[in-house]
Amino acid sequence: MERQKLVEHILTEEGRVAVVELAQRFGVTTETVRRDLDALERQGALVRVHGGAVPLARASTMEIPLGERTHRRSQDKQAIARRALDVLPEGFTGSIYLDAGTTTGAVATLLLERLAELHGRADIVTHSLTIASTLASNSAASLTVIGGRIRGVTAAAVGASTVRSIEGLRPDIAFVGTNGVSADFGLSTPDPDEAAVKAAIVHTARRVVVVTDSSKHDRELLTSFAALDEVDVLVTDAEPEPRLAQALADAEVEVSLA
């Protein structure tokens, strides 16, 4: 069926489809869309999730290499990063932890310019080699890089020594990325070592700002690293579906749209 082929194309381009959005796009009922998604799932073309579907490849342990992720939804990530940096007040002087990831990488790219606009200065800490490279040659901020075993897929340090180093910190603000955010499972990621590092960041930061595009909404990966009530601000590019939105509200998470 032509409509189902279009659904597969949209899924490839956007990484996730929502029932309500597809119904509006095709001018059909949500029940018709659900039947299409059920048929495509039986064919092995996708996996149904709450409110829509994701590609079959996006299983709980599937992780896309950093180089490939960098170019996906880059404009959305830049917009999310700009909005996320609104949490910094005028004249900010404090410490910032930057988690590994492409959206936090977008935050890093804009951070120094934002600090200059605010007449601020920051002590920045990260365990990401790519983010460290972005920030290495600057005078508006000091940079500390946390070491450990480097995972090639994320170009970030992981392991017990990395976690211990982070646990000895108390950053004022942490910008954290996630592979999934859901009402029941909170924030999650495919790799347990990455999850341990992210959990340490969340537990030590005074304020946790999660940056993620809407393709991560309602996704649950292998390992949860934080509950929703451990998050202060969620910055994303689209309104979460009602169930997730209610869970975020119940957890008193401020949702900021880019």
Protein backbone atom coordinates (compact mmCIF):
# COMPACT_ATOMS: atom_id res chain seq x y z
CA MET A 1 0.00 0.00 0.00
CA GLU A 2 1.30 3.44 -0.96
CA ARG A 3 0.50 4.99 2.41
CA GLN A 4 2.51 2.34 4.24
CA LYS A 5 5.48 2.98 1.96
CA LEU A 6 5.24 6.66 2.84
CA VAL A 7 5.18 5.78 6.53
CA GLU A 8 8.40 3.79 6.09
CA HIS A 9 9.99 6.74 4.28
CA ILE A 10 8.98 9.18 7.03
CA LEU A 11 10.30 6.77 9.65
CA THR A 12 13.66 6.59 7.89
CA GLU A 13 13.89 10.38 7.61
CA GLU A 14 12.65 11.33 11.08
CA GLY A 15 13.51 8.34 13.25
CA ARG A 16 10.04 8.12 14.80
CA VAL A 17 6.41 8.47 13.73
CA ALA A 18 3.40 9.46 15.82
CA VAL A 19 -0.12 8.15 15.19
CA VAL A 20 -1.83 11.53 15.53
CA GLU A 21 0.64 13.31 13.24
CA LEU A 22 0.35 10.62 10.56
CA ALA A 23 -3.45 10.76 10.71
CA GLN A 24 -3.36 14.52 10.15
CA ARG A 25 -0.78 14.24 7.38
CA PHE A 26 -2.68 11.58 5.43
CA GLY A 27 -6.20 12.81 6.24
CA VAL A 28 -7.25 9.46 7.72
CA THR A 29 -8.40 8.27 11.15
CA THR A 30 -6.00 7.29 13.90
CA GLU A 31 -7.47 3.77 13.74
CA THR A 32 -6.40 3.52 10.09
CA VAL A 33 -2.88 4.62 10.99
CA ARG A 34 -2.70 2.07 13.80
CA ARG A 35 -3.72 -0.68 11.37
CA ASP A 36 -0.97 0.45 8.98
CA LEU A 37 1.60 0.38 11.80
CA ASP A 38 0.42 -3.04 12.93
CA ALA A 39 0.82 -4.36 9.37
CA LEU A 40 4.30 -2.85 9.06
CA GLU A 41 5.31 -4.33 12.40
CA ARG A 42 4.21 -7.79 11.24
CA GLN A 43 6.39 -7.27 8.15
CA GLY A 44 9.38 -6.46 10.37
CA ALA A 45 9.61 -2.85 9.17
CA LEU A 46 9.18 -1.15 12.54
CA VAL A 47 8.47 -1.56 16.24
CA ARG A 48 5.33 -0.13 17.83
CA VAL A 49 5.85 2.16 20.84
CA HIS A 50 3.44 4.26 22.87
CA GLY A 51 1.83 6.77 20.53
CA GLY A 52 3.59 5.66 17.35
CA ALA A 53 6.51 3.60 16.08
CA VAL A 54 10.29 3.53 15.73
CA PRO A 55 12.54 1.65 13.27
CA LEU A 56 13.23 -1.99 14.01
CA ALA A 57 16.94 -1.18 14.36
CA ARG A 58 16.20 1.05 17.33
CA ALA A 59 16.08 -1.76 19.84
CA SER A 60 17.01 -1.36 23.49
CA THR A 61 20.73 -1.95 22.90
CA MET A 62 21.08 -0.34 19.47
CA GLU A 63 23.42 2.65 19.40
CA ILE A 64 24.23 4.80 16.36
CA PRO A 65 27.88 5.89 16.05
CA LEU A 66 28.70 9.48 17.01
CA GLY A 67 29.75 10.54 13.49
CA GLU A 68 26.41 9.47 12.04
CA ARG A 69 24.37 11.03 14.85
CA THR A 70 26.13 14.38 14.51
CA HIS A 71 24.39 15.09 11.19
CA ARG A 72 20.94 13.91 12.23
CA ARG A 73 18.43 16.66 13.10
CA SER A 74 21.31 19.11 13.44
CA GLN A 75 19.08 22.19 13.15
CA ASP A 76 16.78 20.88 15.88
CA LYS A 77 19.79 20.25 18.11
CA GLN A 78 21.10 23.77 17.56
CA ALA A 79 17.70 25.21 18.48
CA ILE A 80 17.53 23.03 21.59
CA ALA A 81 21.02 24.13 22.60
CA ARG A 82 20.14 27.82 22.27
CA ARG A 83 17.04 27.36 24.41
CA ALA A 84 18.93 25.30 26.98
CA LEU A 85 21.50 28.05 27.47
CA ASP A 86 18.70 30.38 28.57
CA VAL A 87 19.06 28.76 32.01
CA LEU A 88 22.30 30.71 32.48
CA PRO A 89 21.63 34.05 34.21
CA GLU A 90 23.27 37.38 33.43
CA GLY A 91 26.77 37.49 34.89
CA PHE A 92 26.87 33.74 35.51
CA THR A 93 30.00 32.64 37.31
CA GLY A 94 30.00 28.99 38.23
CA SER A 95 30.63 25.43 37.13
CA ILE A 96 29.05 23.56 34.23
CA TYR A 97 29.20 19.84 33.45
CA LEU A 98 28.68 18.81 29.82
CA ASP A 99 27.62 15.22 29.23
CA ALA A 100 28.72 13.41 26.08
CA GLY A 101 26.43 13.43 23.05
CA THR A 102 25.56 15.37 19.92
CA THR A 103 22.94 17.62 21.51
CA THR A 104 25.22 18.46 24.43
CA GLY A 105 27.88 18.99 21.77
CA ALA A 106 25.63 21.63 20.24
CA VAL A 107 25.40 23.25 23.69
CA ALA A 108 29.21 23.28 23.87
CA THR A 109 29.46 24.93 20.45
CA LEU A 110 27.26 27.84 21.57
CA LEU A 111 28.35 28.03 25.20
CA LEU A 112 31.32 30.40 24.94
CA GLU A 113 29.39 32.88 22.82
CA ARG A 114 26.54 32.78 25.32
CA LEU A 115 28.89 33.36 28.25
CA ALA A 116 30.32 36.39 26.47
CA GLU A 117 26.83 37.79 25.93
CA LEU A 118 26.06 37.33 29.62
CA HIS A 119 29.42 38.77 30.73
CA GLY A 120 29.94 35.49 32.53
CA ARG A 121 32.63 32.94 33.07
CA ALA A 122 32.49 29.21 33.77
CA ASP A 123 34.55 26.29 34.94
CA ILE A 124 33.58 23.55 32.49
CA VAL A 125 33.97 19.82 33.06
CA THR A 126 33.34 17.01 30.58
CA HIS A 127 34.29 13.41 29.89
CA SER A 128 33.67 13.82 26.14
CA LEU A 129 36.72 14.03 23.88
CA THR A 130 34.76 15.80 21.12
CA ILE A 131 33.37 18.43 23.49
CA ALA A 132 36.80 18.89 25.06
CA SER A 133 38.23 19.51 21.59
CA THR A 134 35.52 22.11 20.89
CA LEU A 135 36.32 24.02 24.08
CA ALA A 136 40.07 23.46 24.35
CA SER A 137 41.28 26.77 22.93
CA ASN A 138 39.36 29.51 24.68
CA SER A 139 39.90 32.14 27.34
CA ALA A 140 36.31 32.60 28.54
CA ALA A 141 36.26 29.38 30.54
CA SER A 142 38.51 26.89 32.22
CA LEU A 143 38.23 23.27 31.06
CA THR A 144 38.68 20.03 32.99
CA VAL A 145 38.52 16.70 31.17
CA ILE A 146 37.58 13.57 33.10
CA GLY A 147 39.55 10.52 31.98
CA GLY A 148 38.81 6.82 31.74
CA ARG A 149 38.33 4.10 29.15
CA ILE A 150 37.16 5.68 25.89
CA ARG A 151 34.14 4.17 24.14
CA GLY A 152 34.64 4.56 20.40
CA VAL A 153 30.93 4.83 19.61
CA THR A 154 30.55 7.95 21.79
CA ALA A 155 34.18 9.19 22.07
CA ALA A 156 33.60 9.53 25.82
CA ALA A 157 35.29 8.21 28.96
CA VAL A 158 33.52 5.52 30.96
CA GLY A 159 34.37 3.11 33.76
CA ALA A 160 34.77 3.06 37.52
CA SER A 161 37.50 5.71 37.62
CA THR A 162 35.37 8.08 35.52
CA VAL A 163 32.40 7.61 37.82
CA ARG A 164 34.53 8.18 40.93
CA SER A 165 35.94 11.40 39.50
CA ILE A 166 32.46 12.72 38.73
CA GLU A 167 31.17 11.75 42.17
CA GLY A 168 33.81 14.03 43.67
CA LEU A 169 32.30 17.07 41.92
CA ARG A 170 29.33 19.37 42.60
CA PRO A 171 28.69 21.34 39.37
CA ASP A 172 26.14 24.15 39.47
CA ILE A 173 24.52 23.07 36.21
CA ALA A 174 24.76 19.85 34.20
CA PHE A 175 23.60 19.58 30.61
CA VAL A 176 22.74 15.91 30.09
CA GLY A 177 21.80 13.98 26.97
CA THR A 178 19.64 10.87 26.78
CA ASN A 179 18.72 8.19 24.26
CA GLY A 180 15.23 7.83 25.65
CA VAL A 181 12.77 9.52 27.99
CA SER A 182 9.55 7.83 29.05
CA ALA A 183 6.85 8.10 31.67
CA ASP A 184 7.59 4.71 33.22
CA PHE A 185 11.34 4.23 32.72
CA GLY A 186 12.65 7.78 33.05
CA LEU A 187 15.89 8.53 31.20
CA SER A 188 17.70 5.62 29.57
CA THR A 189 20.63 4.69 27.34
CA PRO A 190 21.78 1.45 25.66
CA ASP A 191 25.13 0.95 27.41
CA PRO A 192 25.40 0.25 31.18
CA ASP A 193 28.81 1.96 31.42
CA GLU A 194 27.43 5.12 29.81
CA ALA A 195 24.42 4.88 32.13
CA ALA A 196 26.66 4.75 35.20
CA VAL A 197 28.46 7.93 34.11
CA LYS A 198 25.20 9.74 33.35
CA ALA A 199 23.73 8.68 36.69
CA ALA A 200 26.77 10.08 38.49
CA ILE A 201 26.38 13.42 36.67
CA VAL A 202 22.68 13.62 37.56
CA HIS A 203 23.28 12.75 41.22
CA THR A 204 26.06 15.28 41.73
CA ALA A 205 24.76 18.35 39.86
CA ARG A 206 22.87 21.07 41.67
CA ARG A 207 20.64 21.59 38.61
CA VAL A 208 20.05 19.05 35.84
CA VAL A 209 19.08 20.25 32.35
CA VAL A 210 18.26 17.42 29.95
CA VAL A 211 18.58 18.24 26.24
CA THR A 212 16.94 15.89 23.76
CA ASP A 213 15.07 16.01 20.47
CA SER A 214 11.55 14.64 20.22
CA SER A 215 12.62 11.42 18.49
CA LYS A 216 13.72 10.26 21.98
CA HIS A 217 10.29 10.79 23.52
CA ASP A 218 8.58 7.61 24.77
CA ARG A 219 11.69 5.51 24.10
CA GLU A 220 13.02 3.01 26.60
CA LEU A 221 16.57 1.72 26.16
CA LEU A 222 18.28 -1.06 28.08
CA THR A 223 19.47 0.87 31.14
CA SER A 224 17.70 3.60 33.09
CA PHE A 225 20.04 6.18 34.61
CA ALA A 226 17.65 8.71 36.17
CA ALA A 227 14.05 9.07 37.24
CA LEU A 228 12.03 12.00 35.92
CA ASP A 229 11.94 13.62 39.36
CA GLU A 230 15.75 13.91 39.27
CA VAL A 231 15.49 16.31 36.31
CA ASP A 232 14.95 20.06 36.73
CA VAL A 233 14.49 21.14 33.10
CA LEU A 234 13.78 19.19 29.90
CA VAL A 235 14.60 21.11 26.71
CA THR A 236 13.20 19.61 23.53
CA ASP A 237 11.81 20.58 20.13
CA ALA A 238 8.20 19.36 20.39
CA GLU A 239 5.49 18.87 23.00
CA PRO A 240 5.63 15.40 24.57
CA GLU A 241 2.65 13.13 24.08
CA PRO A 242 0.00 13.50 26.84
CA ARG A 243 1.09 10.57 28.99
CA LEU A 244 4.73 11.64 29.07
CA ALA A 245 3.72 15.29 29.51
CA GLN A 246 1.65 14.37 32.56
CA ALA A 247 4.48 12.30 34.04
CA LEU A 248 6.87 15.23 33.59
CA ALA A 249 4.36 17.58 35.22
CA ASP A 250 3.87 15.18 38.13
CA ALA A 251 7.65 15.05 38.58
CA GLU A 252 7.74 18.90 38.54
CA VAL A 253 10.02 18.97 35.50
CA GLU A 254 10.04 22.28 33.65
CA VAL A 255 9.55 21.56 29.92
CA SER A 256 11.09 24.18 27.64
CA LEU A 257 10.41 24.07 23.90
CA ALA A 258 12.98 25.22 21.36
